[in-house]
Every structure is written in C-alpha cells, then in structure tokens.
Amino acid sequence: MDDEVERRLAALEAKVHELEAVTTLALRLIAVEKPVSALLERFGATEAEDAAVHALLDDVARRAERGGMYAPSFGSFEQELAERFPAARGNRELTALLLDTLKLDRPAYRTLHAYIAAQGWPLG
C-alpha cells in the first residue's frame, strides 16, 4: 500500500510541475501578445483598470492622430492615467514604462508611441 501511495504522490507532483510549466508559458505568451496589459498587471491593475487604461490610450491615440487643438499633452495624459489607474499617480517609472511599452503593442499604439517620442514625452 505504501508503494501505491508513493507512486500516486510522485505522479501528482509530476503533474503539478507540468501544470506550472504550462502556466508559465501561457503567461509569457500573453505578455508578448498584450504587453501593455502585462505591464499593468505587474503593477497590480484590476481588469477594470486595465480596460480603462486601454480606453484612455485609444482616446489619446485618436487625439494625437487628429492633432491641432485635439493633440494630447503629457500633463493631461498623466492626470487621466492616474484617474483610471490610481497606482500610476506620481509613479514616473510606471508612466515611462507604459509609454515605452506602446511600441510593442498593437499598431495604433505603435503610432502613438512615435507621436509621443516626437513630442518629447518621457520614455522608459
């Protein structure tokens, strides 16, 4: 009986290690696929905050594309970011990393990153 218990325990431990490896791989793939979301998650963003930040980024991208009086400023971006994701308030590292990560995300965010870089916003 002890051999059977040990065999089953060893099988369960092997399965746990396999599941950990699969989970780690899945998280890495998600981070590559959605780098902005992965960064926000690293700083403790909830799903609602993640969605709110993406909505902000979409709005800022549209305003940057329109230009002129609609063009976003860094100060207003910081303020709106902090409203949607309070952990960003006063966190220059997070803000800079977020702006820098835009170049790795979807095409609209890469265009926004180019705009931000041209405007001299602080990047990570």
N, C-alpha and C. Protein backbone atom coordinates (compact mmCIF):
# COMPACT_ATOMS: atom_id res chain seq x y z
N MET A 1 0.82 -1.19 0.00
CA MET A 1 0.00 0.00 0.00
C MET A 1 0.86 1.25 0.00
N ASP A 2 1.95 1.27 0.75
CA ASP A 2 2.82 2.44 0.79
C ASP A 2 3.42 2.73 -0.57
N ASP A 3 3.75 1.68 -1.33
CA ASP A 3 4.31 1.88 -2.67
C ASP A 3 3.29 2.54 -3.59
N GLU A 4 2.04 2.12 -3.45
CA GLU A 4 0.98 2.70 -4.27
C GLU A 4 0.79 4.19 -3.94
N VAL A 5 0.81 4.54 -2.68
CA VAL A 5 0.67 5.93 -2.26
C VAL A 5 1.84 6.75 -2.77
N GLU A 6 3.04 6.22 -2.65
CA GLU A 6 4.23 6.92 -3.13
C GLU A 6 4.19 7.12 -4.64
N ARG A 7 3.72 6.10 -5.36
CA ARG A 7 3.62 6.21 -6.82
C ARG A 7 2.60 7.28 -7.21
N ARG A 8 1.47 7.29 -6.54
CA ARG A 8 0.44 8.29 -6.83
C ARG A 8 0.91 9.69 -6.47
N LEU A 9 1.60 9.81 -5.35
CA LEU A 9 2.15 11.11 -4.94
C LEU A 9 3.17 11.61 -5.95
N ALA A 10 4.02 10.73 -6.41
CA ALA A 10 5.02 11.11 -7.42
C ALA A 10 4.33 11.54 -8.71
N ALA A 11 3.27 10.83 -9.10
CA ALA A 11 2.53 11.19 -10.31
C ALA A 11 1.87 12.55 -10.16
N LEU A 12 1.31 12.82 -8.98
CA LEU A 12 0.70 14.13 -8.73
C LEU A 12 1.73 15.25 -8.74
N GLU A 13 2.88 15.02 -8.14
CA GLU A 13 3.95 16.02 -8.16
C GLU A 13 4.40 16.30 -9.58
N ALA A 14 4.52 15.26 -10.39
CA ALA A 14 4.92 15.44 -11.79
C ALA A 14 3.86 16.27 -12.53
N LYS A 15 2.59 15.99 -12.26
CA LYS A 15 1.51 16.74 -12.90
C LYS A 15 1.52 18.21 -12.48
N VAL A 16 1.78 18.47 -11.20
CA VAL A 16 1.86 19.85 -10.72
C VAL A 16 2.99 20.59 -11.43
N HIS A 17 4.15 19.96 -11.57
CA HIS A 17 5.27 20.59 -12.27
C HIS A 17 4.92 20.86 -13.73
N GLU A 18 4.23 19.93 -14.35
CA GLU A 18 3.80 20.10 -15.74
C GLU A 18 2.83 21.28 -15.86
N LEU A 19 1.87 21.37 -14.94
CA LEU A 19 0.91 22.48 -14.95
C LEU A 19 1.60 23.82 -14.70
N GLU A 20 2.58 23.85 -13.81
CA GLU A 20 3.34 25.08 -13.56
C GLU A 20 4.07 25.52 -14.82
N ALA A 21 4.67 24.57 -15.53
CA ALA A 21 5.38 24.90 -16.76
C ALA A 21 4.43 25.45 -17.83
N VAL A 22 3.27 24.82 -17.95
CA VAL A 22 2.28 25.28 -18.94
C VAL A 22 1.77 26.67 -18.57
N THR A 23 1.50 26.89 -17.30
CA THR A 23 1.03 28.20 -16.83
C THR A 23 2.07 29.28 -17.09
N THR A 24 3.31 29.00 -16.78
CA THR A 24 4.39 29.96 -17.03
C THR A 24 4.49 30.29 -18.50
N LEU A 25 4.41 29.29 -19.35
CA LEU A 25 4.47 29.52 -20.79
C LEU A 25 3.28 30.36 -21.25
N ALA A 26 2.09 30.04 -20.74
CA ALA A 26 0.90 30.81 -21.13
C ALA A 26 1.03 32.27 -20.71
N LEU A 27 1.53 32.52 -19.51
CA LEU A 27 1.71 33.90 -19.06
C LEU A 27 2.73 34.64 -19.92
N ARG A 28 3.78 33.96 -20.31
CA ARG A 28 4.78 34.59 -21.19
C ARG A 28 4.18 34.92 -22.54
N LEU A 29 3.37 34.02 -23.08
CA LEU A 29 2.73 34.28 -24.38
C LEU A 29 1.76 35.45 -24.28
N ILE A 30 1.01 35.52 -23.19
CA ILE A 30 0.09 36.64 -23.00
C ILE A 30 0.87 37.95 -22.90
N ALA A 31 1.98 37.93 -22.20
CA ALA A 31 2.79 39.14 -22.06
C ALA A 31 3.32 39.60 -23.40
N VAL A 32 3.67 38.66 -24.26
CA VAL A 32 4.16 39.02 -25.59
C VAL A 32 3.01 39.53 -26.45
N GLU A 33 1.85 38.90 -26.30
CA GLU A 33 0.69 39.27 -27.10
C GLU A 33 0.09 40.60 -26.66
N LYS A 34 0.07 40.85 -25.37
CA LYS A 34 -0.54 42.06 -24.82
C LYS A 34 0.41 42.70 -23.82
N PRO A 35 1.46 43.33 -24.31
CA PRO A 35 2.47 43.85 -23.38
C PRO A 35 1.97 44.96 -22.46
N VAL A 36 1.05 45.80 -22.92
CA VAL A 36 0.54 46.86 -22.05
C VAL A 36 -0.24 46.23 -20.89
N SER A 37 -1.09 45.27 -21.19
CA SER A 37 -1.86 44.60 -20.13
C SER A 37 -0.94 43.87 -19.16
N ALA A 38 0.10 43.23 -19.69
CA ALA A 38 1.05 42.52 -18.82
C ALA A 38 1.75 43.51 -17.88
N LEU A 39 2.12 44.67 -18.40
CA LEU A 39 2.78 45.67 -17.56
C LEU A 39 1.83 46.17 -16.48
N LEU A 40 0.60 46.47 -16.87
CA LEU A 40 -0.38 46.96 -15.90
C LEU A 40 -0.64 45.91 -14.82
N GLU A 41 -0.72 44.67 -15.22
CA GLU A 41 -0.93 43.59 -14.25
C GLU A 41 0.23 43.52 -13.27
N ARG A 42 1.44 43.72 -13.79
CA ARG A 42 2.63 43.69 -12.93
C ARG A 42 2.56 44.76 -11.84
N PHE A 43 1.88 45.87 -12.15
CA PHE A 43 1.74 46.95 -11.18
C PHE A 43 0.41 46.87 -10.42
N GLY A 44 -0.27 45.73 -10.54
CA GLY A 44 -1.46 45.48 -9.72
C GLY A 44 -2.78 45.96 -10.29
N ALA A 45 -2.86 46.22 -11.58
CA ALA A 45 -4.11 46.70 -12.17
C ALA A 45 -5.18 45.62 -12.15
N THR A 46 -6.39 46.03 -11.85
CA THR A 46 -7.54 45.13 -11.95
C THR A 46 -7.95 45.07 -13.42
N GLU A 47 -8.88 44.16 -13.73
CA GLU A 47 -9.37 44.08 -15.12
C GLU A 47 -10.05 45.39 -15.52
N ALA A 48 -10.79 45.98 -14.59
CA ALA A 48 -11.48 47.24 -14.88
C ALA A 48 -10.47 48.36 -15.13
N GLU A 49 -9.41 48.42 -14.34
CA GLU A 49 -8.38 49.44 -14.54
C GLU A 49 -7.65 49.21 -15.86
N ASP A 50 -7.37 47.95 -16.19
CA ASP A 50 -6.74 47.63 -17.46
C ASP A 50 -7.60 48.12 -18.63
N ALA A 51 -8.88 47.83 -18.56
CA ALA A 51 -9.80 48.28 -19.62
C ALA A 51 -9.86 49.80 -19.69
N ALA A 52 -9.87 50.45 -18.55
CA ALA A 52 -9.93 51.92 -18.51
C ALA A 52 -8.66 52.54 -19.10
N VAL A 53 -7.51 51.96 -18.80
CA VAL A 53 -6.26 52.48 -19.36
C VAL A 53 -6.23 52.27 -20.87
N HIS A 54 -6.70 51.12 -21.34
CA HIS A 54 -6.74 50.90 -22.79
C HIS A 54 -7.70 51.88 -23.47
N ALA A 55 -8.82 52.17 -22.82
CA ALA A 55 -9.75 53.16 -23.37
C ALA A 55 -9.07 54.53 -23.44
N LEU A 56 -8.31 54.87 -22.41
CA LEU A 56 -7.55 56.13 -22.41
C LEU A 56 -6.54 56.14 -23.55
N LEU A 57 -5.79 55.06 -23.69
CA LEU A 57 -4.78 55.00 -24.76
C LEU A 57 -5.43 55.12 -26.13
N ASP A 58 -6.58 54.47 -26.32
CA ASP A 58 -7.30 54.59 -27.59
C ASP A 58 -7.70 56.03 -27.85
N ASP A 59 -8.20 56.71 -26.82
CA ASP A 59 -8.60 58.11 -26.95
C ASP A 59 -7.40 59.00 -27.25
N VAL A 60 -6.31 58.80 -26.52
CA VAL A 60 -5.10 59.60 -26.74
C VAL A 60 -4.57 59.37 -28.15
N ALA A 61 -4.62 58.13 -28.63
CA ALA A 61 -4.16 57.82 -29.99
C ALA A 61 -5.01 58.57 -31.02
N ARG A 62 -6.33 58.58 -30.82
CA ARG A 62 -7.21 59.30 -31.75
C ARG A 62 -6.93 60.80 -31.72
N ARG A 63 -6.74 61.35 -30.51
CA ARG A 63 -6.46 62.78 -30.40
C ARG A 63 -5.11 63.13 -31.02
N ALA A 64 -4.13 62.27 -30.87
CA ALA A 64 -2.81 62.51 -31.48
C ALA A 64 -2.92 62.49 -33.00
N GLU A 65 -3.74 61.60 -33.50
CA GLU A 65 -3.93 61.49 -34.94
C GLU A 65 -4.63 62.73 -35.51
N ARG A 66 -5.57 63.28 -34.75
CA ARG A 66 -6.28 64.48 -35.19
C ARG A 66 -5.38 65.71 -35.14
N GLY A 67 -4.53 65.74 -34.12
CA GLY A 67 -3.58 66.85 -33.99
C GLY A 67 -4.26 68.16 -33.65
N GLY A 68 -3.53 69.25 -33.87
CA GLY A 68 -4.05 70.59 -33.60
C GLY A 68 -4.48 70.75 -32.18
N MET A 69 -5.63 71.38 -31.99
CA MET A 69 -6.12 71.65 -30.65
C MET A 69 -6.54 70.37 -29.91
N TYR A 70 -6.68 69.26 -30.63
CA TYR A 70 -7.05 67.98 -30.02
C TYR A 70 -5.85 67.19 -29.52
N ALA A 71 -4.65 67.61 -29.91
CA ALA A 71 -3.44 66.86 -29.57
C ALA A 71 -3.29 66.73 -28.05
N PRO A 72 -3.00 65.53 -27.58
CA PRO A 72 -2.85 65.34 -26.13
C PRO A 72 -1.54 65.92 -25.62
N SER A 73 -1.54 66.29 -24.35
CA SER A 73 -0.32 66.76 -23.71
C SER A 73 0.09 65.72 -22.66
N PHE A 74 1.35 65.75 -22.31
CA PHE A 74 1.84 64.80 -21.31
C PHE A 74 1.15 65.02 -19.97
N GLY A 75 0.98 66.26 -19.58
CA GLY A 75 0.34 66.56 -18.30
C GLY A 75 -1.07 66.03 -18.22
N SER A 76 -1.84 66.23 -19.28
CA SER A 76 -3.22 65.73 -19.25
C SER A 76 -3.24 64.21 -19.29
N PHE A 77 -2.29 63.62 -20.02
CA PHE A 77 -2.21 62.16 -20.04
C PHE A 77 -1.93 61.61 -18.64
N GLU A 78 -0.97 62.21 -17.94
CA GLU A 78 -0.65 61.76 -16.58
C GLU A 78 -1.86 61.85 -15.67
N GLN A 79 -2.58 62.95 -15.77
CA GLN A 79 -3.76 63.16 -14.92
C GLN A 79 -4.83 62.12 -15.24
N GLU A 80 -5.11 61.92 -16.51
CA GLU A 80 -6.15 60.96 -16.89
C GLU A 80 -5.73 59.54 -16.55
N LEU A 81 -4.45 59.23 -16.68
CA LEU A 81 -3.96 57.90 -16.33
C LEU A 81 -4.17 57.64 -14.83
N ALA A 82 -3.84 58.62 -14.01
CA ALA A 82 -3.99 58.47 -12.56
C ALA A 82 -5.46 58.33 -12.16
N GLU A 83 -6.36 58.97 -12.90
CA GLU A 83 -7.79 58.84 -12.62
C GLU A 83 -8.27 57.42 -12.90
N ARG A 84 -7.72 56.80 -13.94
CA ARG A 84 -8.15 55.46 -14.34
C ARG A 84 -7.39 54.35 -13.61
N PHE A 85 -6.15 54.66 -13.22
CA PHE A 85 -5.29 53.67 -12.56
C PHE A 85 -4.54 54.38 -11.45
N PRO A 86 -5.15 54.49 -10.26
CA PRO A 86 -4.56 55.26 -9.16
C PRO A 86 -3.12 54.91 -8.82
N ALA A 87 -2.68 53.68 -9.06
CA ALA A 87 -1.29 53.29 -8.76
C ALA A 87 -0.30 54.08 -9.62
N ALA A 88 -0.77 54.68 -10.69
CA ALA A 88 0.11 55.45 -11.57
C ALA A 88 0.35 56.87 -11.04
N ARG A 89 -0.45 57.32 -10.11
CA ARG A 89 -0.32 58.69 -9.60
C ARG A 89 1.07 58.89 -9.01
N GLY A 90 1.81 59.80 -9.59
CA GLY A 90 3.15 60.13 -9.11
C GLY A 90 4.19 59.06 -9.39
N ASN A 91 3.83 58.01 -10.08
CA ASN A 91 4.76 56.92 -10.37
C ASN A 91 5.37 57.11 -11.76
N ARG A 92 6.44 57.90 -11.81
CA ARG A 92 7.09 58.20 -13.09
C ARG A 92 7.61 56.95 -13.78
N GLU A 93 8.09 55.98 -12.98
CA GLU A 93 8.61 54.74 -13.57
C GLU A 93 7.52 54.02 -14.33
N LEU A 94 6.36 53.86 -13.70
CA LEU A 94 5.24 53.19 -14.35
C LEU A 94 4.82 53.94 -15.61
N THR A 95 4.69 55.24 -15.51
CA THR A 95 4.26 56.03 -16.67
C THR A 95 5.26 55.90 -17.81
N ALA A 96 6.54 56.01 -17.52
CA ALA A 96 7.57 55.89 -18.56
C ALA A 96 7.58 54.50 -19.17
N LEU A 97 7.45 53.47 -18.33
CA LEU A 97 7.41 52.10 -18.85
C LEU A 97 6.18 51.88 -19.72
N LEU A 98 5.04 52.43 -19.29
CA LEU A 98 3.81 52.30 -20.08
C LEU A 98 3.99 52.94 -21.45
N LEU A 99 4.50 54.16 -21.46
CA LEU A 99 4.69 54.84 -22.74
C LEU A 99 5.68 54.10 -23.63
N ASP A 100 6.72 53.57 -23.05
CA ASP A 100 7.73 52.84 -23.82
C ASP A 100 7.17 51.51 -24.34
N THR A 101 6.30 50.90 -23.58
CA THR A 101 5.72 49.61 -23.96
C THR A 101 4.76 49.74 -25.14
N LEU A 102 4.28 50.95 -25.39
CA LEU A 102 3.36 51.15 -26.52
C LEU A 102 3.96 50.70 -27.84
N LYS A 103 5.28 50.82 -27.97
CA LYS A 103 5.92 50.46 -29.24
C LYS A 103 5.88 48.95 -29.49
N LEU A 104 5.53 48.17 -28.47
CA LEU A 104 5.47 46.71 -28.61
C LEU A 104 4.06 46.19 -28.80
N ASP A 105 3.08 47.04 -28.62
CA ASP A 105 1.69 46.60 -28.64
C ASP A 105 1.12 46.73 -30.06
N ARG A 106 -0.17 46.84 -30.13
CA ARG A 106 -0.85 46.87 -31.43
C ARG A 106 -0.46 48.09 -32.26
N PRO A 107 -0.71 48.05 -33.57
CA PRO A 107 -0.26 49.13 -34.48
C PRO A 107 -0.69 50.54 -34.06
N ALA A 108 -1.91 50.71 -33.58
CA ALA A 108 -2.36 52.05 -33.17
C ALA A 108 -1.49 52.58 -32.04
N TYR A 109 -1.08 51.71 -31.14
CA TYR A 109 -0.23 52.14 -30.03
C TYR A 109 1.20 52.40 -30.50
N ARG A 110 1.65 51.68 -31.51
CA ARG A 110 2.99 51.96 -32.05
C ARG A 110 3.01 53.34 -32.71
N THR A 111 1.92 53.69 -33.38
CA THR A 111 1.81 55.03 -33.97
C THR A 111 1.78 56.08 -32.87
N LEU A 112 1.05 55.80 -31.80
CA LEU A 112 1.00 56.71 -30.65
C LEU A 112 2.39 56.85 -30.04
N HIS A 113 3.13 55.75 -29.93
CA HIS A 113 4.49 55.81 -29.39
C HIS A 113 5.37 56.73 -30.24
N ALA A 114 5.25 56.65 -31.56
CA ALA A 114 6.03 57.52 -32.44
C ALA A 114 5.66 58.99 -32.20
N TYR A 115 4.37 59.27 -32.03
CA TYR A 115 3.92 60.63 -31.73
C TYR A 115 4.51 61.11 -30.41
N ILE A 116 4.44 60.27 -29.39
CA ILE A 116 4.93 60.62 -28.05
C ILE A 116 6.43 60.91 -28.10
N ALA A 117 7.16 60.06 -28.81
CA ALA A 117 8.61 60.25 -28.92
C ALA A 117 8.92 61.56 -29.63
N ALA A 118 8.15 61.87 -30.68
CA ALA A 118 8.36 63.12 -31.42
C ALA A 118 8.04 64.34 -30.56
N GLN A 119 7.09 64.19 -29.64
CA GLN A 119 6.69 65.30 -28.76
C GLN A 119 7.62 65.46 -27.56
N GLY A 120 8.51 64.48 -27.35
CA GLY A 120 9.46 64.58 -26.24
C GLY A 120 8.91 64.14 -24.89
N TRP A 121 7.83 63.34 -24.90
CA TRP A 121 7.32 62.81 -23.64
C TRP A 121 8.37 61.88 -23.05
N PRO A 122 8.47 61.79 -21.73
CA PRO A 122 9.49 60.93 -21.11
C PRO A 122 9.18 59.45 -21.34
N LEU A 123 10.15 58.76 -21.91
CA LEU A 123 10.01 57.33 -22.16
C LEU A 123 10.98 56.56 -21.27
N GLY A 124 10.63 55.32 -20.98
CA GLY A 124 11.44 54.47 -20.10
C GLY A 124 12.71 54.04 -20.64
